[in-house]
Amino acid sequence: MALQPLLENAIVHGIAPRAGGGTVGVAARVVGERLVLAVHDDGVGSAARVRAGVGVGLTNTRARLERLYGAAHRFSVGDVAGGGVEVALELPLRRSVGGAP
């Protein structure tokens, strides 16, 4: 559920304003005992503008992660080389009973 508002923001605020459309990507990887999720776009957005904003999607996502993980999570917003924005989440990895991620 944390990715939905990030994807929506990338589409509405990053891609939709571009006349020619654009690309939104999602990446996931395991780094040690951490799950790293990222949503990026090649749209018109600026990470500085996203960070300064108080939009509902990012505010709710940050609050949800804080409630679930406290200081054990990271939430970052940054510019993508060539244009666009990337929002990254880093969470403690929870493994299933069989040990697989």
N, C-alpha and C. Protein backbone atom coordinates (compact mmCIF):
# COMPACT_ATOMS: atom_id res chain seq x y z
N MET A 1 0.82 -1.20 0.00
CA MET A 1 0.00 0.00 0.00
C MET A 1 0.86 1.25 0.00
N ALA A 2 2.09 1.17 0.39
CA ALA A 2 2.95 2.35 0.43
C ALA A 2 3.31 2.83 -0.98
N LEU A 3 3.34 1.93 -1.94
CA LEU A 3 3.75 2.32 -3.28
C LEU A 3 2.65 3.04 -4.07
N GLN A 4 1.39 2.78 -3.77
CA GLN A 4 0.29 3.37 -4.55
C GLN A 4 0.35 4.89 -4.59
N PRO A 5 0.46 5.59 -3.45
CA PRO A 5 0.51 7.05 -3.54
C PRO A 5 1.78 7.56 -4.22
N LEU A 6 2.87 6.82 -4.12
CA LEU A 6 4.10 7.23 -4.78
C LEU A 6 3.98 7.11 -6.29
N LEU A 7 3.35 6.03 -6.74
CA LEU A 7 3.11 5.87 -8.18
C LEU A 7 2.14 6.93 -8.69
N GLU A 8 1.10 7.18 -7.93
CA GLU A 8 0.13 8.21 -8.31
C GLU A 8 0.81 9.57 -8.44
N ASN A 9 1.65 9.92 -7.48
CA ASN A 9 2.37 11.20 -7.55
C ASN A 9 3.27 11.27 -8.78
N ALA A 10 3.97 10.19 -9.07
CA ALA A 10 4.86 10.17 -10.23
C ALA A 10 4.08 10.40 -11.52
N ILE A 11 2.92 9.80 -11.61
CA ILE A 11 2.10 9.95 -12.82
C ILE A 11 1.47 11.34 -12.88
N VAL A 12 0.79 11.75 -11.81
CA VAL A 12 0.04 13.01 -11.82
C VAL A 12 0.95 14.23 -11.86
N HIS A 13 2.01 14.22 -11.04
CA HIS A 13 2.85 15.41 -10.91
C HIS A 13 4.11 15.36 -11.77
N GLY A 14 4.54 14.18 -12.16
CA GLY A 14 5.75 14.06 -12.96
C GLY A 14 5.49 13.89 -14.44
N ILE A 15 4.65 12.92 -14.79
CA ILE A 15 4.43 12.55 -16.19
C ILE A 15 3.30 13.32 -16.86
N ALA A 16 2.17 13.46 -16.20
CA ALA A 16 1.00 14.09 -16.81
C ALA A 16 1.26 15.48 -17.36
N PRO A 17 2.07 16.33 -16.71
CA PRO A 17 2.30 17.67 -17.25
C PRO A 17 3.11 17.69 -18.55
N ARG A 18 3.79 16.61 -18.87
CA ARG A 18 4.60 16.55 -20.10
C ARG A 18 3.71 16.28 -21.30
N ALA A 19 3.90 17.05 -22.34
CA ALA A 19 3.11 16.87 -23.56
C ALA A 19 3.34 15.49 -24.19
N GLY A 20 4.55 14.99 -24.12
CA GLY A 20 4.87 13.73 -24.77
C GLY A 20 4.83 12.52 -23.86
N GLY A 21 4.29 12.66 -22.66
CA GLY A 21 4.25 11.53 -21.74
C GLY A 21 5.60 11.29 -21.10
N GLY A 22 5.80 10.11 -20.59
CA GLY A 22 7.04 9.79 -19.92
C GLY A 22 7.04 8.38 -19.39
N THR A 23 7.95 8.12 -18.49
CA THR A 23 8.14 6.78 -17.96
C THR A 23 8.15 6.81 -16.43
N VAL A 24 7.50 5.82 -15.84
CA VAL A 24 7.54 5.61 -14.40
C VAL A 24 8.10 4.22 -14.17
N GLY A 25 9.01 4.10 -13.23
CA GLY A 25 9.60 2.81 -12.93
C GLY A 25 9.51 2.48 -11.46
N VAL A 26 9.51 1.19 -11.18
CA VAL A 26 9.50 0.70 -9.80
C VAL A 26 10.64 -0.31 -9.69
N ALA A 27 11.41 -0.21 -8.62
CA ALA A 27 12.51 -1.14 -8.41
C ALA A 27 12.44 -1.65 -6.98
N ALA A 28 12.84 -2.91 -6.79
CA ALA A 28 12.90 -3.50 -5.46
C ALA A 28 14.15 -4.36 -5.39
N ARG A 29 14.83 -4.27 -4.24
CA ARG A 29 16.01 -5.11 -4.05
C ARG A 29 16.23 -5.34 -2.56
N VAL A 30 16.90 -6.40 -2.25
CA VAL A 30 17.25 -6.72 -0.87
C VAL A 30 18.73 -6.36 -0.70
N VAL A 31 19.01 -5.58 0.34
CA VAL A 31 20.38 -5.20 0.68
C VAL A 31 20.60 -5.60 2.13
N GLY A 32 21.33 -6.67 2.33
CA GLY A 32 21.51 -7.18 3.68
C GLY A 32 20.18 -7.58 4.27
N GLU A 33 19.82 -6.99 5.37
CA GLU A 33 18.54 -7.27 6.04
C GLU A 33 17.54 -6.14 5.81
N ARG A 34 17.67 -5.46 4.66
CA ARG A 34 16.81 -4.33 4.33
C ARG A 34 16.15 -4.55 2.98
N LEU A 35 14.90 -4.10 2.85
CA LEU A 35 14.18 -4.09 1.58
C LEU A 35 14.19 -2.65 1.09
N VAL A 36 14.71 -2.44 -0.12
CA VAL A 36 14.78 -1.10 -0.70
C VAL A 36 13.81 -1.05 -1.87
N LEU A 37 12.85 -0.15 -1.80
CA LEU A 37 11.86 0.06 -2.86
C LEU A 37 12.03 1.47 -3.40
N ALA A 38 11.93 1.63 -4.72
CA ALA A 38 12.07 2.96 -5.31
C ALA A 38 11.05 3.14 -6.43
N VAL A 39 10.50 4.34 -6.51
CA VAL A 39 9.62 4.75 -7.60
C VAL A 39 10.28 5.97 -8.23
N HIS A 40 10.49 5.92 -9.55
CA HIS A 40 11.12 7.05 -10.22
C HIS A 40 10.36 7.39 -11.50
N ASP A 41 10.49 8.63 -11.90
CA ASP A 41 9.89 9.07 -13.16
C ASP A 41 10.88 9.96 -13.88
N ASP A 42 10.62 10.18 -15.17
CA ASP A 42 11.47 11.08 -15.96
C ASP A 42 10.68 12.34 -16.32
N GLY A 43 9.79 12.72 -15.42
CA GLY A 43 8.90 13.85 -15.66
C GLY A 43 9.50 15.20 -15.32
N VAL A 44 8.61 16.15 -15.13
CA VAL A 44 8.98 17.55 -14.95
C VAL A 44 9.30 17.91 -13.51
N GLY A 45 9.00 17.02 -12.58
CA GLY A 45 9.13 17.34 -11.16
C GLY A 45 10.54 17.62 -10.72
N SER A 46 10.64 18.32 -9.63
CA SER A 46 11.91 18.60 -8.98
C SER A 46 11.82 18.04 -7.57
N ALA A 47 12.84 17.32 -7.14
CA ALA A 47 12.82 16.75 -5.79
C ALA A 47 12.68 17.85 -4.74
N ALA A 48 13.30 19.02 -4.98
CA ALA A 48 13.19 20.12 -4.02
C ALA A 48 11.74 20.54 -3.87
N ARG A 49 11.01 20.59 -4.98
CA ARG A 49 9.60 20.97 -4.92
C ARG A 49 8.79 19.88 -4.23
N VAL A 50 9.11 18.63 -4.48
CA VAL A 50 8.39 17.51 -3.85
C VAL A 50 8.64 17.54 -2.34
N ARG A 51 9.91 17.72 -1.94
CA ARG A 51 10.24 17.76 -0.51
C ARG A 51 9.55 18.92 0.19
N ALA A 52 9.45 20.07 -0.48
CA ALA A 52 8.85 21.26 0.13
C ALA A 52 7.34 21.14 0.23
N GLY A 53 6.75 20.29 -0.60
CA GLY A 53 5.30 20.15 -0.62
C GLY A 53 4.77 19.43 0.59
N VAL A 54 3.51 19.64 0.83
CA VAL A 54 2.85 18.96 1.94
C VAL A 54 1.69 18.15 1.39
N GLY A 55 1.92 17.51 0.27
CA GLY A 55 0.87 16.73 -0.37
C GLY A 55 0.39 15.59 0.49
N VAL A 56 -0.83 15.23 0.28
CA VAL A 56 -1.48 14.18 1.06
C VAL A 56 -0.78 12.83 0.89
N GLY A 57 -0.45 12.48 -0.35
CA GLY A 57 0.15 11.16 -0.61
C GLY A 57 1.46 10.94 0.12
N LEU A 58 2.40 11.89 0.00
CA LEU A 58 3.69 11.75 0.66
C LEU A 58 3.55 11.87 2.18
N THR A 59 2.72 12.78 2.63
CA THR A 59 2.51 12.96 4.07
C THR A 59 1.95 11.69 4.69
N ASN A 60 0.93 11.11 4.06
CA ASN A 60 0.34 9.87 4.58
C ASN A 60 1.31 8.71 4.54
N THR A 61 2.09 8.62 3.47
CA THR A 61 3.08 7.54 3.35
C THR A 61 4.12 7.65 4.44
N ARG A 62 4.65 8.86 4.65
CA ARG A 62 5.64 9.06 5.72
C ARG A 62 5.06 8.70 7.08
N ALA A 63 3.85 9.14 7.35
CA ALA A 63 3.21 8.86 8.65
C ALA A 63 2.99 7.36 8.83
N ARG A 64 2.55 6.67 7.79
CA ARG A 64 2.31 5.23 7.86
C ARG A 64 3.61 4.48 8.16
N LEU A 65 4.68 4.86 7.47
CA LEU A 65 5.96 4.20 7.68
C LEU A 65 6.49 4.48 9.09
N GLU A 66 6.29 5.69 9.57
CA GLU A 66 6.72 6.04 10.92
C GLU A 66 5.98 5.19 11.96
N ARG A 67 4.68 5.02 11.76
CA ARG A 67 3.90 4.19 12.70
C ARG A 67 4.33 2.74 12.66
N LEU A 68 4.58 2.22 11.46
CA LEU A 68 4.93 0.81 11.32
C LEU A 68 6.36 0.49 11.73
N TYR A 69 7.32 1.37 11.39
CA TYR A 69 8.72 1.04 11.53
C TYR A 69 9.52 1.99 12.43
N GLY A 70 8.94 3.11 12.82
CA GLY A 70 9.67 4.07 13.64
C GLY A 70 10.98 4.46 12.99
N ALA A 71 12.03 4.49 13.78
CA ALA A 71 13.35 4.89 13.28
C ALA A 71 14.01 3.83 12.40
N ALA A 72 13.39 2.66 12.26
CA ALA A 72 13.99 1.56 11.48
C ALA A 72 13.77 1.71 9.98
N HIS A 73 13.08 2.77 9.54
CA HIS A 73 12.87 2.97 8.10
C HIS A 73 13.56 4.24 7.63
N ARG A 74 13.72 4.33 6.31
CA ARG A 74 14.22 5.55 5.67
C ARG A 74 13.30 5.89 4.52
N PHE A 75 13.10 7.17 4.30
CA PHE A 75 12.24 7.68 3.24
C PHE A 75 13.00 8.84 2.62
N SER A 76 13.31 8.75 1.33
CA SER A 76 14.07 9.83 0.71
C SER A 76 13.48 10.21 -0.64
N VAL A 77 13.69 11.46 -1.00
CA VAL A 77 13.25 12.01 -2.27
C VAL A 77 14.46 12.66 -2.92
N GLY A 78 14.73 12.33 -4.18
CA GLY A 78 15.90 12.91 -4.86
C GLY A 78 15.66 13.08 -6.34
N ASP A 79 16.47 13.95 -6.92
CA ASP A 79 16.42 14.18 -8.36
C ASP A 79 17.04 13.00 -9.11
N VAL A 80 16.52 12.72 -10.30
CA VAL A 80 17.05 11.68 -11.17
C VAL A 80 17.87 12.38 -12.24
N ALA A 81 19.05 11.86 -12.53
CA ALA A 81 19.88 12.44 -13.59
C ALA A 81 19.09 12.49 -14.89
N GLY A 82 19.07 13.63 -15.54
CA GLY A 82 18.34 13.77 -16.78
C GLY A 82 16.91 14.25 -16.59
N GLY A 83 16.48 14.41 -15.36
CA GLY A 83 15.14 14.90 -15.07
C GLY A 83 14.30 13.88 -14.35
N GLY A 84 13.35 14.37 -13.60
CA GLY A 84 12.46 13.50 -12.85
C GLY A 84 12.85 13.40 -11.40
N VAL A 85 12.12 12.54 -10.70
CA VAL A 85 12.26 12.39 -9.25
C VAL A 85 12.25 10.91 -8.89
N GLU A 86 12.99 10.57 -7.84
CA GLU A 86 12.94 9.22 -7.29
C GLU A 86 12.59 9.31 -5.81
N VAL A 87 11.64 8.50 -5.39
CA VAL A 87 11.29 8.36 -3.98
C VAL A 87 11.70 6.94 -3.58
N ALA A 88 12.50 6.84 -2.53
CA ALA A 88 13.01 5.53 -2.10
C ALA A 88 12.59 5.25 -0.66
N LEU A 89 12.23 4.00 -0.42
CA LEU A 89 11.88 3.51 0.91
C LEU A 89 12.87 2.42 1.27
N GLU A 90 13.34 2.44 2.49
CA GLU A 90 14.21 1.38 2.99
C GLU A 90 13.58 0.87 4.28
N LEU A 91 13.26 -0.42 4.28
CA LEU A 91 12.51 -1.02 5.38
C LEU A 91 13.23 -2.25 5.91
N PRO A 92 13.01 -2.59 7.17
CA PRO A 92 13.56 -3.85 7.68
C PRO A 92 12.95 -5.01 6.90
N LEU A 93 13.75 -5.96 6.54
CA LEU A 93 13.27 -7.10 5.77
C LEU A 93 12.59 -8.09 6.71
N ARG A 94 11.39 -8.47 6.35
CA ARG A 94 10.65 -9.48 7.11
C ARG A 94 10.61 -10.74 6.27
N ARG A 95 11.20 -11.76 6.76
CA ARG A 95 11.26 -13.02 6.01
C ARG A 95 10.07 -13.90 6.38
N SER A 96 9.66 -14.72 5.41
CA SER A 96 8.57 -15.67 5.66
C SER A 96 9.08 -16.80 6.55
N VAL A 97 8.18 -17.65 6.95
CA VAL A 97 8.53 -18.76 7.85
C VAL A 97 9.61 -19.64 7.23
N GLY A 98 9.58 -19.85 5.92
CA GLY A 98 10.56 -20.69 5.26
C GLY A 98 11.90 -20.02 5.07
N GLY A 99 12.02 -18.74 5.43
CA GLY A 99 13.30 -18.05 5.32
C GLY A 99 13.47 -17.25 4.05
N ALA A 100 12.59 -17.43 3.07
CA ALA A 100 12.70 -16.66 1.84
C ALA A 100 12.13 -15.26 2.05
N PRO A 101 12.67 -14.26 1.31
CA PRO A 101 12.14 -12.90 1.46
C PRO A 101 10.71 -12.79 0.97
